[in-house]
Amino acid sequence: MEHRTIFTAREISEMAIAIALSTVLSFIKVFQMPQGGSITAGSMIPIIYLALRNRPKVALTGSILYGIVQFMVEPFFVHPAQFILDYPLAFGALGIATFMKKYPFIGAGIGVSLRFICHFLSGFIFFGMYAPEGINPIYYSAIYNGSYLIPELVVTAIFIYILSKKKLIDAFK
């Protein structure tokens, strides 16, 4: 009887390395938002890189696991749906870049944009009460989450662009 594994040793190693690097980079904060979220030293780059190098199962599993690790490092939980939106779904969305391997820059942009949508939904559904008086919680959530995710997207996109132009995404396959 043939034994098939879900992931190869190389895939497990790459997931572990990407999650570890992203976690370490997430501790290097350029700016921290008061209710969560921060501009980091490119913490999404290793996860996007993982997604661009691997098959969808590896990319999505690695990025979802990264979201769970982020919760374990800085747990913030008010409701089960908020947990799902802010951690496994938001960070798991980064793995969507795996479907845009021919266009890594666009794949990174889509992944980060989907992450923004998850945090945006969580923001106005669960944290709308933090909006200053007179400001619509939908606008507040968009501005709040965009204020740290747009700079993160710029940093990530620049590095992914450089990695793809230098042909380093597929260099070690």
Protein backbone atom coordinates (compact mmCIF):
# COMPACT_ATOMS: atom_id res chain seq x y z
CA MET A 1 0.00 0.00 0.00
CA GLU A 2 1.37 3.40 -1.03
CA HIS A 3 1.62 6.03 1.67
CA ARG A 4 0.97 9.62 0.56
CA THR A 5 1.80 12.57 2.72
CA ILE A 6 -0.20 15.78 2.77
CA PHE A 7 2.95 17.89 2.76
CA THR A 8 6.54 17.06 1.88
CA ALA A 9 9.31 17.71 4.39
CA ARG A 10 10.45 20.62 2.22
CA GLU A 11 6.96 22.16 2.23
CA ILE A 12 6.66 21.84 6.00
CA SER A 13 10.11 23.38 6.39
CA GLU A 14 9.26 26.28 4.08
CA MET A 15 6.00 26.93 5.95
CA ALA A 16 7.81 26.88 9.31
CA ILE A 17 10.56 29.22 8.07
CA ALA A 18 8.09 31.67 6.49
CA ILE A 19 5.91 31.72 9.60
CA ALA A 20 8.94 32.20 11.86
CA LEU A 21 10.42 34.99 9.71
CA SER A 22 7.06 36.76 9.43
CA THR A 23 6.57 36.50 13.18
CA VAL A 24 10.02 37.93 13.92
CA LEU A 25 9.46 40.77 11.43
CA SER A 26 6.07 41.50 13.04
CA PHE A 27 7.90 42.36 16.28
CA ILE A 28 9.84 45.11 14.49
CA LYS A 29 7.16 47.80 14.54
CA VAL A 30 7.65 51.12 12.83
CA PHE A 31 4.24 52.30 14.08
CA GLN A 32 1.65 50.66 16.37
CA MET A 33 -2.07 51.48 16.14
CA PRO A 34 -3.95 51.89 19.45
CA GLN A 35 -6.48 49.08 18.94
CA GLY A 36 -4.23 46.71 17.03
CA GLY A 37 -2.52 46.70 13.68
CA SER A 38 0.93 48.07 12.96
CA ILE A 39 3.38 49.00 10.27
CA THR A 40 6.16 46.43 10.52
CA ALA A 41 9.47 45.65 8.88
CA GLY A 42 7.75 43.77 6.06
CA SER A 43 6.15 40.98 8.06
CA MET A 44 3.97 39.84 5.14
CA ILE A 45 6.86 39.35 2.73
CA PRO A 46 7.87 35.80 3.82
CA ILE A 47 4.24 34.60 3.70
CA ILE A 48 3.66 36.11 0.24
CA TYR A 49 7.00 34.62 -0.87
CA LEU A 50 5.85 31.22 0.45
CA ALA A 51 2.61 31.57 -1.51
CA LEU A 52 4.37 32.50 -4.74
CA ARG A 53 6.73 29.53 -4.50
CA ASN A 54 4.32 26.76 -3.57
CA ARG A 55 1.09 25.01 -4.44
CA PRO A 56 -2.18 26.37 -3.05
CA LYS A 57 -2.45 23.86 -0.18
CA VAL A 58 0.95 24.93 1.16
CA ALA A 59 0.33 28.65 0.60
CA LEU A 60 -3.08 28.71 2.25
CA THR A 61 -2.12 26.40 5.14
CA GLY A 62 1.03 28.40 5.87
CA SER A 63 -0.76 31.75 5.78
CA ILE A 64 -3.67 30.52 7.95
CA LEU A 65 -1.19 29.09 10.46
CA TYR A 66 0.60 32.43 10.47
CA GLY A 67 -2.69 34.10 11.38
CA ILE A 68 -3.11 31.71 14.29
CA VAL A 69 0.46 32.39 15.43
CA GLN A 70 -0.28 36.13 15.28
CA PHE A 71 -3.25 35.55 17.59
CA MET A 72 -1.08 33.56 19.99
CA VAL A 73 1.57 36.31 20.02
CA GLU A 74 -0.87 39.22 20.48
CA PRO A 75 -4.28 37.75 21.36
CA PHE A 76 -7.23 40.06 21.00
CA PHE A 77 -10.61 38.36 21.02
CA VAL A 78 -14.09 39.81 21.48
CA HIS A 79 -16.23 37.38 19.46
CA PRO A 80 -15.66 34.10 17.56
CA ALA A 81 -16.55 35.74 14.23
CA GLN A 82 -14.09 38.57 14.95
CA PHE A 83 -11.37 36.01 15.68
CA ILE A 84 -12.04 34.24 12.37
CA LEU A 85 -12.07 37.50 10.39
CA ASP A 86 -8.98 39.03 12.02
CA TYR A 87 -6.73 35.99 12.18
CA PRO A 88 -7.21 32.87 10.01
CA LEU A 89 -9.17 34.63 7.23
CA ALA A 90 -7.23 37.91 7.15
CA PHE A 91 -3.80 36.33 7.18
CA GLY A 92 -4.99 33.33 5.18
CA ALA A 93 -5.94 35.78 2.43
CA LEU A 94 -2.24 36.45 1.88
CA GLY A 95 -1.96 32.89 0.56
CA ILE A 96 -4.23 33.83 -2.35
CA ALA A 97 -1.09 35.19 -4.02
CA THR A 98 -0.38 31.55 -4.95
CA PHE A 99 -2.98 31.84 -7.73
CA MET A 100 -1.12 34.74 -9.35
CA LYS A 101 2.36 33.26 -9.70
CA LYS A 102 2.83 34.73 -13.18
CA TYR A 103 2.07 38.18 -11.76
CA PRO A 104 3.63 38.18 -8.27
CA PHE A 105 3.24 41.94 -7.77
CA ILE A 106 -0.51 41.67 -8.48
CA GLY A 107 -0.81 38.51 -6.36
CA ALA A 108 0.72 40.32 -3.39
CA GLY A 109 -1.64 43.24 -3.94
CA ILE A 110 -4.69 41.00 -4.07
CA GLY A 111 -3.61 39.09 -0.95
CA VAL A 112 -3.06 42.26 1.07
CA SER A 113 -6.29 43.79 -0.27
CA LEU A 114 -8.25 40.73 0.86
CA ARG A 115 -6.57 40.98 4.25
CA PHE A 116 -7.71 44.62 4.41
CA ILE A 117 -11.29 43.59 3.62
CA CYS A 118 -11.29 41.09 6.50
CA HIS A 119 -9.93 43.64 8.99
CA PHE A 120 -12.27 46.31 7.59
CA LEU A 121 -15.34 44.10 8.13
CA SER A 122 -14.20 43.15 11.61
CA GLY A 123 -13.47 46.80 12.36
CA PHE A 124 -16.87 48.21 11.64
CA ILE A 125 -18.83 45.18 12.89
CA PHE A 126 -16.99 44.64 16.18
CA PHE A 127 -15.06 47.86 16.85
CA GLY A 128 -17.32 50.59 15.43
CA MET A 129 -17.80 51.96 18.94
CA TYR A 130 -14.24 53.29 18.82
CA ALA A 131 -15.10 55.63 15.95
CA PRO A 132 -14.91 59.27 17.07
CA GLU A 133 -18.27 60.90 17.54
CA GLY A 134 -19.78 62.00 14.25
CA ILE A 135 -17.65 59.65 12.12
CA ASN A 136 -19.37 56.74 10.45
CA PRO A 137 -17.89 53.43 11.71
CA ILE A 138 -17.53 52.22 8.12
CA TYR A 139 -15.32 55.20 7.22
CA TYR A 140 -13.45 54.88 10.49
CA SER A 141 -12.70 51.21 9.88
CA ALA A 142 -11.51 51.93 6.33
CA ILE A 143 -9.24 54.77 7.46
CA TYR A 144 -7.98 52.92 10.54
CA ASN A 145 -7.11 49.69 8.73
CA GLY A 146 -5.85 51.45 5.61
CA SER A 147 -3.50 53.62 7.67
CA TYR A 148 -1.30 50.64 8.48
CA LEU A 149 -2.10 48.18 5.67
CA ILE A 150 -1.39 50.59 2.80
CA PRO A 151 2.20 51.24 3.99
CA GLU A 152 2.57 47.48 4.62
CA LEU A 153 1.35 46.83 1.06
CA VAL A 154 3.85 49.31 -0.38
CA VAL A 155 6.78 47.69 1.45
CA THR A 156 5.61 44.18 0.53
CA ALA A 157 5.00 45.09 -3.12
CA ILE A 158 8.44 46.67 -3.47
CA PHE A 159 10.20 43.58 -2.09
CA ILE A 160 8.09 41.14 -4.11
CA TYR A 161 8.77 43.19 -7.23
CA ILE A 162 12.54 43.10 -6.55
CA LEU A 163 12.46 39.35 -5.80
CA SER A 164 10.57 38.65 -9.02
CA LYS A 165 12.80 40.87 -11.17
CA LYS A 166 15.90 39.21 -9.74
CA LYS A 167 14.25 35.83 -10.46
CA LEU A 168 14.58 34.83 -6.79
CA ILE A 169 11.04 33.56 -6.30
CA ASP A 170 11.71 30.33 -8.19
CA ALA A 171 15.46 30.24 -7.60
CA PHE A 172 15.55 27.41 -5.07
CA LYS A 173 12.72 25.14 -6.20
